[in-house]
Amino acid sequence: MSESEVPQIKPVSIAGSTPESLHRMEIVGWILFVVWAGGLVAWAIIGGDPYRDGWRLVLELALLGGRAVNIADGVSSGFSRTYLMFQCGLQDVVYTLVVYPWIVRLYLGVTKVGRFGRIVDGVRKSAEKHSRYMEPFGGVGLWLFLFFPFLSTGVLNGSALGFILGMRTWVILSIVLSSHLISVVTLIFFFEQVSRYMDAAAGGSMRYLPWIVIAALLVCWLGIRIVGRLRR
């Protein structure tokens, strides 16, 4: 068989994602990560306090209650709007661009559910659980799902949900990233107004704002779980 007769294997594609496009997405994500991390380090060195404690906001966004807690703590601690937009806004953009390709690969069966795969598989299962409620609403429902900063409504869950609903990659990224960034800006202005009210009503109470937000998110999460069990 001549070289010209050898059958060409086309890359597998789901929702408009090929191995090449997923790889390019990861590269862009890692480039943005370098810009983001370098910006935070430069801010900490040049800006001094409170920017030296920016790592705390990074961990809050990654591990605790998401962007609501992150921004509430940032506003109460005196971080600027520009810093919060850069830190919180770009952090989840990087997270999405780097991890979303692994969600697609997991569905393609390209990667096994190993150490990193278990995390992605947990996101997949969470998204599948939400998909039956979100399917009738399409892109608008996904946008609103991501805009409100409840628990389990982060950008990665939203990206996985869009994938499960059969949306194309560029549609998913447009919805997820626009909703996230607009939500970040809205939360900054919202918590700035809350901080002014709390300072006027009871001076010094702003330091409790992040804990109040965490408590509110937990109450909402428990309420949703209870309602879900009662329906079943």
C-alpha atoms as a PDB file:
ATOM      1  CA  MET A   1       0.000   0.000   0.000  1.00  0.00           C
ATOM      2  CA  SER A   2       1.424   3.353  -1.017  1.00  0.00           C
ATOM      3  CA  GLU A   3       1.660   6.288   1.324  1.00  0.00           C
ATOM      4  CA  SER A   4      -1.198   8.039  -0.478  1.00  0.00           C
ATOM      5  CA  GLU A   5      -3.454   5.011   0.095  1.00  0.00           C
ATOM      6  CA  VAL A   6      -2.960   4.984   3.866  1.00  0.00           C
ATOM      7  CA  PRO A   7      -6.280   6.031   5.452  1.00  0.00           C
ATOM      8  CA  GLN A   8      -6.114   9.313   7.309  1.00  0.00           C
ATOM      9  CA  ILE A   9      -7.538   9.205  10.827  1.00  0.00           C
ATOM     10  CA  LYS A  10      -9.553  12.297  11.596  1.00  0.00           C
ATOM     11  CA  PRO A  11      -9.335  13.704  15.118  1.00  0.00           C
ATOM     12  CA  VAL A  12     -12.312  12.913  17.283  1.00  0.00           C
ATOM     13  CA  SER A  13     -14.493  15.960  17.902  1.00  0.00           C
ATOM     14  CA  ILE A  14     -17.216  16.532  20.459  1.00  0.00           C
ATOM     15  CA  ALA A  15     -19.105  19.810  20.663  1.00  0.00           C
ATOM     16  CA  GLY A  16     -16.661  21.347  18.203  1.00  0.00           C
ATOM     17  CA  SER A  17     -13.587  20.396  20.247  1.00  0.00           C
ATOM     18  CA  THR A  18     -10.678  18.650  18.550  1.00  0.00           C
ATOM     19  CA  PRO A  19      -7.473  17.568  20.287  1.00  0.00           C
ATOM     20  CA  GLU A  20      -5.713  20.486  18.591  1.00  0.00           C
ATOM     21  CA  SER A  21      -8.234  23.095  19.745  1.00  0.00           C
ATOM     22  CA  LEU A  22      -8.167  21.713  23.281  1.00  0.00           C
ATOM     23  CA  HIS A  23      -4.376  21.890  23.288  1.00  0.00           C
ATOM     24  CA  ARG A  24      -4.459  25.508  22.075  1.00  0.00           C
ATOM     25  CA  MET A  25      -6.983  26.332  24.801  1.00  0.00           C
ATOM     26  CA  GLU A  26      -4.627  24.942  27.443  1.00  0.00           C
ATOM     27  CA  ILE A  27      -1.689  26.927  26.071  1.00  0.00           C
ATOM     28  CA  VAL A  28      -3.700  30.159  26.233  1.00  0.00           C
ATOM     29  CA  GLY A  29      -4.749  29.239  29.775  1.00  0.00           C
ATOM     30  CA  TRP A  30      -1.162  28.713  30.936  1.00  0.00           C
ATOM     31  CA  ILE A  31      -0.018  31.965  29.292  1.00  0.00           C
ATOM     32  CA  LEU A  32      -2.776  33.828  31.133  1.00  0.00           C
ATOM     33  CA  PHE A  33      -1.746  32.028  34.326  1.00  0.00           C
ATOM     34  CA  VAL A  34       1.789  33.428  34.013  1.00  0.00           C
ATOM     35  CA  VAL A  35       0.382  36.929  33.436  1.00  0.00           C
ATOM     36  CA  TRP A  36      -2.050  36.560  36.357  1.00  0.00           C
ATOM     37  CA  ALA A  37       0.484  35.137  38.829  1.00  0.00           C
ATOM     38  CA  GLY A  38       3.128  37.653  37.803  1.00  0.00           C
ATOM     39  CA  GLY A  39       0.641  40.497  38.224  1.00  0.00           C
ATOM     40  CA  LEU A  40      -0.291  39.384  41.741  1.00  0.00           C
ATOM     41  CA  VAL A  41       3.359  39.079  42.764  1.00  0.00           C
ATOM     42  CA  ALA A  42       4.163  42.523  41.341  1.00  0.00           C
ATOM     43  CA  TRP A  43       1.144  44.005  43.129  1.00  0.00           C
ATOM     44  CA  ALA A  44       2.283  42.458  46.425  1.00  0.00           C
ATOM     45  CA  ILE A  45       5.795  43.874  46.044  1.00  0.00           C
ATOM     46  CA  ILE A  46       4.852  47.344  44.827  1.00  0.00           C
ATOM     47  CA  GLY A  47       1.521  47.845  46.580  1.00  0.00           C
ATOM     48  CA  GLY A  48       2.421  46.567  50.032  1.00  0.00           C
ATOM     49  CA  ASP A  49      -0.542  46.087  52.377  1.00  0.00           C
ATOM     50  CA  PRO A  50      -3.145  44.728  51.891  1.00  0.00           C
ATOM     51  CA  TYR A  51      -1.875  43.274  48.609  1.00  0.00           C
ATOM     52  CA  ARG A  52       0.701  41.112  50.378  1.00  0.00           C
ATOM     53  CA  ASP A  53      -2.270  39.064  51.606  1.00  0.00           C
ATOM     54  CA  GLY A  54      -3.644  38.520  48.107  1.00  0.00           C
ATOM     55  CA  TRP A  55      -2.867  34.799  48.402  1.00  0.00           C
ATOM     56  CA  ARG A  56      -5.752  34.603  50.882  1.00  0.00           C
ATOM     57  CA  LEU A  57      -8.217  35.755  48.239  1.00  0.00           C
ATOM     58  CA  VAL A  58      -6.796  33.241  45.776  1.00  0.00           C
ATOM     59  CA  LEU A  59      -7.386  30.393  48.228  1.00  0.00           C
ATOM     60  CA  GLU A  60     -10.870  31.628  49.088  1.00  0.00           C
ATOM     61  CA  LEU A  61     -11.884  31.588  45.445  1.00  0.00           C
ATOM     62  CA  ALA A  62     -10.375  28.163  44.861  1.00  0.00           C
ATOM     63  CA  LEU A  63     -11.337  26.340  48.056  1.00  0.00           C
ATOM     64  CA  LEU A  64     -14.161  28.091  49.918  1.00  0.00           C
ATOM     65  CA  GLY A  65     -17.306  29.832  48.792  1.00  0.00           C
ATOM     66  CA  GLY A  66     -16.174  31.046  45.402  1.00  0.00           C
ATOM     67  CA  ARG A  67     -16.174  34.623  44.144  1.00  0.00           C
ATOM     68  CA  ALA A  68     -18.747  35.975  46.633  1.00  0.00           C
ATOM     69  CA  VAL A  69     -16.532  35.204  49.638  1.00  0.00           C
ATOM     70  CA  ASN A  70     -13.424  36.263  47.703  1.00  0.00           C
ATOM     71  CA  ILE A  71     -14.835  39.692  46.837  1.00  0.00           C
ATOM     72  CA  ALA A  72     -16.525  40.242  50.205  1.00  0.00           C
ATOM     73  CA  ASP A  73     -13.192  39.670  51.944  1.00  0.00           C
ATOM     74  CA  GLY A  74     -11.369  41.782  49.367  1.00  0.00           C
ATOM     75  CA  VAL A  75     -13.695  44.758  49.788  1.00  0.00           C
ATOM     76  CA  SER A  76     -13.676  44.510  53.596  1.00  0.00           C
ATOM     77  CA  SER A  77      -9.851  44.300  53.613  1.00  0.00           C
ATOM     78  CA  GLY A  78      -9.357  47.374  51.431  1.00  0.00           C
ATOM     79  CA  PHE A  79      -8.311  45.823  48.107  1.00  0.00           C
ATOM     80  CA  SER A  80      -8.983  48.067  45.102  1.00  0.00           C
ATOM     81  CA  ARG A  81     -11.606  47.406  42.444  1.00  0.00           C
ATOM     82  CA  THR A  82      -8.919  46.964  39.804  1.00  0.00           C
ATOM     83  CA  TYR A  83      -7.103  44.359  41.874  1.00  0.00           C
ATOM     84  CA  LEU A  84     -10.271  42.360  42.570  1.00  0.00           C
ATOM     85  CA  MET A  85     -11.292  42.428  38.912  1.00  0.00           C
ATOM     86  CA  PHE A  86      -7.812  41.210  37.946  1.00  0.00           C
ATOM     87  CA  GLN A  87      -7.411  38.605  40.698  1.00  0.00           C
ATOM     88  CA  CYS A  88     -10.919  37.162  40.855  1.00  0.00           C
ATOM     89  CA  GLY A  89     -11.910  37.738  37.247  1.00  0.00           C
ATOM     90  CA  LEU A  90      -8.798  36.277  35.650  1.00  0.00           C
ATOM     91  CA  GLN A  91      -8.317  33.431  38.142  1.00  0.00           C
ATOM     92  CA  ASP A  92     -11.447  31.577  37.046  1.00  0.00           C
ATOM     93  CA  VAL A  93     -10.784  32.352  33.373  1.00  0.00           C
ATOM     94  CA  VAL A  94      -7.413  30.590  33.721  1.00  0.00           C
ATOM     95  CA  TYR A  95      -9.042  27.743  35.642  1.00  0.00           C
ATOM     96  CA  THR A  96     -11.613  27.208  32.905  1.00  0.00           C
ATOM     97  CA  LEU A  97      -9.160  27.287  29.999  1.00  0.00           C
ATOM     98  CA  VAL A  98      -6.775  24.830  31.687  1.00  0.00           C
ATOM     99  CA  VAL A  99      -9.258  22.326  33.153  1.00  0.00           C
ATOM    100  CA  TYR A 100     -12.147  22.362  30.642  1.00  0.00           C
ATOM    101  CA  PRO A 101     -10.127  20.400  28.032  1.00  0.00           C
ATOM    102  CA  TRP A 102      -9.752  17.596  30.580  1.00  0.00           C
ATOM    103  CA  ILE A 103     -13.522  17.392  30.981  1.00  0.00           C
ATOM    104  CA  VAL A 104     -13.833  16.871  27.227  1.00  0.00           C
ATOM    105  CA  ARG A 105     -11.015  14.318  27.210  1.00  0.00           C
ATOM    106  CA  LEU A 106     -12.693  12.412  30.016  1.00  0.00           C
ATOM    107  CA  TYR A 107     -15.838  12.102  27.908  1.00  0.00           C
ATOM    108  CA  LEU A 108     -13.781  11.090  24.893  1.00  0.00           C
ATOM    109  CA  GLY A 109     -12.160   8.373  26.986  1.00  0.00           C
ATOM    110  CA  VAL A 110      -8.718   9.772  26.212  1.00  0.00           C
ATOM    111  CA  THR A 111      -7.809  10.030  29.884  1.00  0.00           C
ATOM    112  CA  LYS A 112      -8.428   7.532  32.649  1.00  0.00           C
ATOM    113  CA  VAL A 113     -10.015   8.520  35.936  1.00  0.00           C
ATOM    114  CA  GLY A 114      -6.807   8.786  37.885  1.00  0.00           C
ATOM    115  CA  ARG A 115      -5.590  11.280  40.475  1.00  0.00           C
ATOM    116  CA  PHE A 116      -6.527  14.335  38.412  1.00  0.00           C
ATOM    117  CA  GLY A 117      -9.320  12.502  36.639  1.00  0.00           C
ATOM    118  CA  ARG A 118     -11.261  12.012  39.867  1.00  0.00           C
ATOM    119  CA  ILE A 119     -11.526  15.777  40.324  1.00  0.00           C
ATOM    120  CA  VAL A 120     -12.766  16.199  36.766  1.00  0.00           C
ATOM    121  CA  ASP A 121     -15.141  13.262  37.181  1.00  0.00           C
ATOM    122  CA  GLY A 122     -16.592  14.895  40.310  1.00  0.00           C
ATOM    123  CA  VAL A 123     -17.262  18.050  38.312  1.00  0.00           C
ATOM    124  CA  ARG A 124     -18.868  15.937  35.570  1.00  0.00           C
ATOM    125  CA  LYS A 125     -21.235  14.225  38.002  1.00  0.00           C
ATOM    126  CA  SER A 126     -22.240  17.527  39.560  1.00  0.00           C
ATOM    127  CA  ALA A 127     -22.947  18.984  36.112  1.00  0.00           C
ATOM    128  CA  GLU A 128     -24.984  15.939  35.098  1.00  0.00           C
ATOM    129  CA  LYS A 129     -27.101  16.371  38.213  1.00  0.00           C
ATOM    130  CA  HIS A 130     -27.923  19.967  37.262  1.00  0.00           C
ATOM    131  CA  SER A 131     -28.433  19.271  33.555  1.00  0.00           C
ATOM    132  CA  ARG A 132     -32.008  17.957  33.839  1.00  0.00           C
ATOM    133  CA  TYR A 133     -33.099  21.237  35.432  1.00  0.00           C
ATOM    134  CA  MET A 134     -31.132  23.473  33.063  1.00  0.00           C
ATOM    135  CA  GLU A 135     -31.832  21.792  29.728  1.00  0.00           C
ATOM    136  CA  PRO A 136     -35.176  23.579  29.049  1.00  0.00           C
ATOM    137  CA  PHE A 137     -33.536  27.001  29.525  1.00  0.00           C
ATOM    138  CA  GLY A 138     -30.495  26.563  27.264  1.00  0.00           C
ATOM    139  CA  GLY A 139     -27.844  29.262  27.103  1.00  0.00           C
ATOM    140  CA  VAL A 140     -29.868  31.842  29.050  1.00  0.00           C
ATOM    141  CA  GLY A 141     -30.326  29.411  31.910  1.00  0.00           C
ATOM    142  CA  LEU A 142     -26.619  28.570  31.929  1.00  0.00           C
ATOM    143  CA  TRP A 143     -25.712  32.275  31.986  1.00  0.00           C
ATOM    144  CA  LEU A 144     -27.971  32.916  34.980  1.00  0.00           C
ATOM    145  CA  PHE A 145     -26.773  29.708  36.670  1.00  0.00           C
ATOM    146  CA  LEU A 146     -23.245  31.097  36.609  1.00  0.00           C
ATOM    147  CA  PHE A 147     -24.086  34.715  37.344  1.00  0.00           C
ATOM    148  CA  PHE A 148     -25.463  34.061  40.837  1.00  0.00           C
ATOM    149  CA  PRO A 149     -22.601  33.031  43.147  1.00  0.00           C
ATOM    150  CA  PHE A 150     -24.161  30.049  44.913  1.00  0.00           C
ATOM    151  CA  LEU A 151     -22.203  26.958  45.890  1.00  0.00           C
ATOM    152  CA  SER A 152     -21.541  24.542  42.982  1.00  0.00           C
ATOM    153  CA  THR A 153     -22.204  27.239  40.366  1.00  0.00           C
ATOM    154  CA  GLY A 154     -18.595  28.001  39.504  1.00  0.00           C
ATOM    155  CA  VAL A 155     -17.151  28.387  36.033  1.00  0.00           C
ATOM    156  CA  LEU A 156     -15.905  24.794  35.802  1.00  0.00           C
ATOM    157  CA  ASN A 157     -19.268  23.298  36.733  1.00  0.00           C
ATOM    158  CA  GLY A 158     -20.878  25.694  34.274  1.00  0.00           C
ATOM    159  CA  SER A 159     -18.484  24.670  31.497  1.00  0.00           C
ATOM    160  CA  ALA A 160     -19.149  20.991  32.147  1.00  0.00           C
ATOM    161  CA  LEU A 161     -22.887  21.669  32.207  1.00  0.00           C
ATOM    162  CA  GLY A 162     -22.721  23.444  28.844  1.00  0.00           C
ATOM    163  CA  PHE A 163     -20.774  20.508  27.423  1.00  0.00           C
ATOM    164  CA  ILE A 164     -23.360  18.012  28.680  1.00  0.00           C
ATOM    165  CA  LEU A 165     -26.146  20.117  27.148  1.00  0.00           C
ATOM    166  CA  GLY A 166     -24.405  19.760  23.782  1.00  0.00           C
ATOM    167  CA  MET A 167     -23.276  23.355  23.274  1.00  0.00           C
ATOM    168  CA  ARG A 168     -20.319  24.118  21.069  1.00  0.00           C
ATOM    169  CA  THR A 169     -17.078  25.090  22.784  1.00  0.00           C
ATOM    170  CA  TRP A 170     -17.058  28.723  21.655  1.00  0.00           C
ATOM    171  CA  VAL A 171     -20.654  29.119  22.876  1.00  0.00           C
ATOM    172  CA  ILE A 172     -19.786  27.601  26.257  1.00  0.00           C
ATOM    173  CA  LEU A 173     -16.763  29.842  26.732  1.00  0.00           C
ATOM    174  CA  SER A 174     -18.687  32.952  25.638  1.00  0.00           C
ATOM    175  CA  ILE A 175     -21.499  32.257  28.113  1.00  0.00           C
ATOM    176  CA  VAL A 176     -19.293  31.120  31.000  1.00  0.00           C
ATOM    177  CA  LEU A 177     -16.676  33.848  30.815  1.00  0.00           C
ATOM    178  CA  SER A 178     -19.088  36.738  30.163  1.00  0.00           C
ATOM    179  CA  SER A 179     -21.367  35.648  33.001  1.00  0.00           C
ATOM    180  CA  HIS A 180     -18.430  35.218  35.380  1.00  0.00           C
ATOM    181  CA  LEU A 181     -16.815  38.568  34.601  1.00  0.00           C
ATOM    182  CA  ILE A 182     -20.082  40.518  34.785  1.00  0.00           C
ATOM    183  CA  SER A 183     -20.866  38.757  38.060  1.00  0.00           C
ATOM    184  CA  VAL A 184     -17.460  39.779  39.461  1.00  0.00           C
ATOM    185  CA  VAL A 185     -18.029  43.439  38.576  1.00  0.00           C
ATOM    186  CA  THR A 186     -21.564  43.339  40.007  1.00  0.00           C
ATOM    187  CA  LEU A 187     -20.390  41.754  43.258  1.00  0.00           C
ATOM    188  CA  ILE A 188     -17.639  44.350  43.711  1.00  0.00           C
ATOM    189  CA  PHE A 189     -20.095  47.238  43.443  1.00  0.00           C
ATOM    190  CA  PHE A 190     -22.675  45.375  45.571  1.00  0.00           C
ATOM    191  CA  PHE A 191     -20.276  44.699  48.445  1.00  0.00           C
ATOM    192  CA  GLU A 192     -18.937  48.247  48.280  1.00  0.00           C
ATOM    193  CA  GLN A 193     -22.479  49.485  48.919  1.00  0.00           C
ATOM    194  CA  VAL A 194     -22.928  46.902  51.692  1.00  0.00           C
ATOM    195  CA  SER A 195     -19.670  48.036  53.288  1.00  0.00           C
ATOM    196  CA  ARG A 196     -20.791  51.677  53.328  1.00  0.00           C
ATOM    197  CA  TYR A 197     -24.080  50.706  54.938  1.00  0.00           C
ATOM    198  CA  MET A 198     -22.413  48.483  57.549  1.00  0.00           C
ATOM    199  CA  ASP A 199     -19.847  51.146  58.422  1.00  0.00           C
ATOM    200  CA  ALA A 200     -22.608  53.717  58.843  1.00  0.00           C
ATOM    201  CA  ALA A 201     -24.814  51.370  60.872  1.00  0.00           C
ATOM    202  CA  ALA A 202     -22.142  49.732  63.013  1.00  0.00           C
ATOM    203  CA  GLY A 203     -18.525  50.788  62.665  1.00  0.00           C
ATOM    204  CA  GLY A 204     -16.018  47.934  62.559  1.00  0.00           C
ATOM    205  CA  SER A 205     -18.558  45.293  61.528  1.00  0.00           C
ATOM    206  CA  MET A 206     -17.059  45.018  58.034  1.00  0.00           C
ATOM    207  CA  ARG A 207     -14.510  42.483  59.229  1.00  0.00           C
ATOM    208  CA  TYR A 208     -17.361  40.003  59.690  1.00  0.00           C
ATOM    209  CA  LEU A 209     -18.628  40.392  56.112  1.00  0.00           C
ATOM    210  CA  PRO A 210     -16.852  37.314  54.645  1.00  0.00           C
ATOM    211  CA  TRP A 211     -18.234  35.129  57.443  1.00  0.00           C
ATOM    212  CA  ILE A 212     -21.724  36.501  56.890  1.00  0.00           C
ATOM    213  CA  VAL A 213     -21.447  35.637  53.190  1.00  0.00           C
ATOM    214  CA  ILE A 214     -20.196  32.105  53.957  1.00  0.00           C
ATOM    215  CA  ALA A 215     -23.100  31.576  56.359  1.00  0.00           C
ATOM    216  CA  ALA A 216     -25.601  32.859  53.779  1.00  0.00           C
ATOM    217  CA  LEU A 217     -24.207  30.550  51.093  1.00  0.00           C
ATOM    218  CA  LEU A 218     -24.368  27.558  53.417  1.00  0.00           C
ATOM    219  CA  VAL A 219     -27.974  28.347  54.345  1.00  0.00           C
ATOM    220  CA  CYS A 220     -28.907  28.584  50.649  1.00  0.00           C
ATOM    221  CA  TRP A 221     -27.097  25.330  49.898  1.00  0.00           C
ATOM    222  CA  LEU A 222     -28.805  23.495  52.762  1.00  0.00           C
ATOM    223  CA  GLY A 223     -32.171  24.916  51.730  1.00  0.00           C
ATOM    224  CA  ILE A 224     -31.732  23.664  48.165  1.00  0.00           C
ATOM    225  CA  ARG A 225     -30.679  20.217  49.403  1.00  0.00           C
ATOM    226  CA  ILE A 226     -33.678  19.971  51.729  1.00  0.00           C
ATOM    227  CA  VAL A 227     -36.118  21.037  49.015  1.00  0.00           C
ATOM    228  CA  GLY A 228     -34.561  18.541  46.613  1.00  0.00           C
ATOM    229  CA  ARG A 229     -34.966  15.680  49.092  1.00  0.00           C
ATOM    230  CA  LEU A 230     -38.558  16.630  49.862  1.00  0.00           C
ATOM    231  CA  ARG A 231     -39.382  16.569  46.143  1.00  0.00           C
ATOM    232  CA  ARG A 232     -37.877  13.109  45.788  1.00  0.00           C
END
